[in-house]
Amino acid sequence: MKFQRIKDLREDHDKLQKDIAKLLGISQQYYSEYEKGNRTIPIQHLITLAKYYNVSIDYIVGLSTDVNGKNKKTS
């Protein structure tokens, strides 16, 4: 599954893939696979990203249109 929002959030915060990869303790190439949807993001990395960007996991994975996890999608 591709998580477009992790790329959007990274770019909105003027960060490079290598910056976020360092935060997660992985290589830039491995992180790139998350953005492309070629690898599943472990829950611990989702938690780290949500805390770092101050958004909800629901927002990151597309279950909500609100960064705080409100306004959840029903479909």
C-alpha atoms as a PDB file:
ATOM      1  CA  MET A   1       0.000   0.000   0.000  1.00  0.00           C
ATOM      2  CA  LYS A   2       1.338   3.395  -0.957  1.00  0.00           C
ATOM      3  CA  PHE A   3       1.178   6.074   1.708  1.00  0.00           C
ATOM      4  CA  GLN A   4       1.334   9.310  -0.272  1.00  0.00           C
ATOM      5  CA  ARG A   5       0.965  11.316   2.904  1.00  0.00           C
ATOM      6  CA  ILE A   6       4.356  10.309   4.293  1.00  0.00           C
ATOM      7  CA  LYS A   7       5.940  11.818   1.206  1.00  0.00           C
ATOM      8  CA  ASP A   8       3.712  14.896   1.386  1.00  0.00           C
ATOM      9  CA  LEU A   9       4.459  15.399   5.083  1.00  0.00           C
ATOM     10  CA  ARG A  10       8.187  14.990   4.505  1.00  0.00           C
ATOM     11  CA  GLU A  11       8.176  17.521   1.689  1.00  0.00           C
ATOM     12  CA  ASP A  12       5.966  19.945   3.645  1.00  0.00           C
ATOM     13  CA  HIS A  13       8.586  19.893   6.405  1.00  0.00           C
ATOM     14  CA  ASP A  14      11.438  20.428   3.925  1.00  0.00           C
ATOM     15  CA  LYS A  15      13.053  17.111   4.821  1.00  0.00           C
ATOM     16  CA  LEU A  16      14.929  14.679   2.632  1.00  0.00           C
ATOM     17  CA  GLN A  17      14.325  10.946   2.607  1.00  0.00           C
ATOM     18  CA  LYS A  18      17.701  10.489   4.304  1.00  0.00           C
ATOM     19  CA  ASP A  19      16.588  12.753   7.179  1.00  0.00           C
ATOM     20  CA  ILE A  20      13.492  10.677   7.892  1.00  0.00           C
ATOM     21  CA  ALA A  21      15.387   7.435   7.367  1.00  0.00           C
ATOM     22  CA  LYS A  22      17.865   8.541  10.038  1.00  0.00           C
ATOM     23  CA  LEU A  23      14.977   9.327  12.399  1.00  0.00           C
ATOM     24  CA  LEU A  24      13.629   5.801  11.845  1.00  0.00           C
ATOM     25  CA  GLY A  25      17.057   4.140  12.024  1.00  0.00           C
ATOM     26  CA  ILE A  26      16.887   2.729   8.499  1.00  0.00           C
ATOM     27  CA  SER A  27      18.592   3.416   5.178  1.00  0.00           C
ATOM     28  CA  GLN A  28      17.336   6.015   2.726  1.00  0.00           C
ATOM     29  CA  GLN A  29      16.743   3.264   0.190  1.00  0.00           C
ATOM     30  CA  TYR A  30      14.607   1.318   2.649  1.00  0.00           C
ATOM     31  CA  TYR A  31      12.583   4.434   3.506  1.00  0.00           C
ATOM     32  CA  SER A  32      12.113   5.128  -0.196  1.00  0.00           C
ATOM     33  CA  GLU A  33      10.401   1.748  -0.475  1.00  0.00           C
ATOM     34  CA  TYR A  34       7.831   2.925   2.096  1.00  0.00           C
ATOM     35  CA  GLU A  35       6.984   5.988   0.020  1.00  0.00           C
ATOM     36  CA  LYS A  36       6.707   3.907  -3.149  1.00  0.00           C
ATOM     37  CA  GLY A  37       4.468   1.382  -1.436  1.00  0.00           C
ATOM     38  CA  ASN A  38       6.895  -1.480  -2.005  1.00  0.00           C
ATOM     39  CA  ARG A  39       7.318  -2.169   1.724  1.00  0.00           C
ATOM     40  CA  THR A  40       4.844  -2.239   4.560  1.00  0.00           C
ATOM     41  CA  ILE A  41       5.562   0.332   7.244  1.00  0.00           C
ATOM     42  CA  PRO A  42       5.882  -1.248  10.699  1.00  0.00           C
ATOM     43  CA  ILE A  43       3.542   0.189  13.328  1.00  0.00           C
ATOM     44  CA  GLN A  44       6.491   1.478  15.355  1.00  0.00           C
ATOM     45  CA  HIS A  45       7.613   3.568  12.382  1.00  0.00           C
ATOM     46  CA  LEU A  46       4.070   4.880  11.919  1.00  0.00           C
ATOM     47  CA  ILE A  47       4.032   5.897  15.575  1.00  0.00           C
ATOM     48  CA  THR A  48       7.402   7.629  15.234  1.00  0.00           C
ATOM     49  CA  LEU A  49       6.264   9.498  12.116  1.00  0.00           C
ATOM     50  CA  ALA A  50       2.957  10.531  13.686  1.00  0.00           C
ATOM     51  CA  LYS A  51       4.760  11.937  16.722  1.00  0.00           C
ATOM     52  CA  TYR A  52       7.424  13.632  14.601  1.00  0.00           C
ATOM     53  CA  TYR A  53       4.909  15.346  12.314  1.00  0.00           C
ATOM     54  CA  ASN A  54       2.340  15.843  15.098  1.00  0.00           C
ATOM     55  CA  VAL A  55      -0.423  14.118  13.153  1.00  0.00           C
ATOM     56  CA  SER A  56      -2.535  11.029  13.750  1.00  0.00           C
ATOM     57  CA  ILE A  57      -1.735   7.615  12.331  1.00  0.00           C
ATOM     58  CA  ASP A  58      -5.236   7.676  10.832  1.00  0.00           C
ATOM     59  CA  TYR A  59      -4.192  10.737   8.842  1.00  0.00           C
ATOM     60  CA  ILE A  60      -0.967   9.113   7.642  1.00  0.00           C
ATOM     61  CA  VAL A  61      -2.715   5.974   6.412  1.00  0.00           C
ATOM     62  CA  GLY A  62      -5.607   7.868   4.815  1.00  0.00           C
ATOM     63  CA  LEU A  63      -8.393   6.943   7.233  1.00  0.00           C
ATOM     64  CA  SER A  64      -8.915  10.585   8.127  1.00  0.00           C
ATOM     65  CA  THR A  65      -8.732  13.865   6.268  1.00  0.00           C
ATOM     66  CA  ASP A  66      -7.935  15.706   9.493  1.00  0.00           C
ATOM     67  CA  VAL A  67      -4.355  15.693  10.828  1.00  0.00           C
ATOM     68  CA  ASN A  68      -5.702  15.019  14.329  1.00  0.00           C
ATOM     69  CA  GLY A  69      -7.619  11.924  13.247  1.00  0.00           C
ATOM     70  CA  LYS A  70     -11.068  13.506  13.291  1.00  0.00           C
ATOM     71  CA  ASN A  71     -13.399  13.377  10.288  1.00  0.00           C
ATOM     72  CA  LYS A  72     -12.747   9.717   9.593  1.00  0.00           C
ATOM     73  CA  LYS A  73     -13.650   8.366   6.194  1.00  0.00           C
ATOM     74  CA  THR A  74     -16.476   5.870   6.168  1.00  0.00           C
ATOM     75  CA  SER A  75     -15.583   4.088   2.963  1.00  0.00           C
END
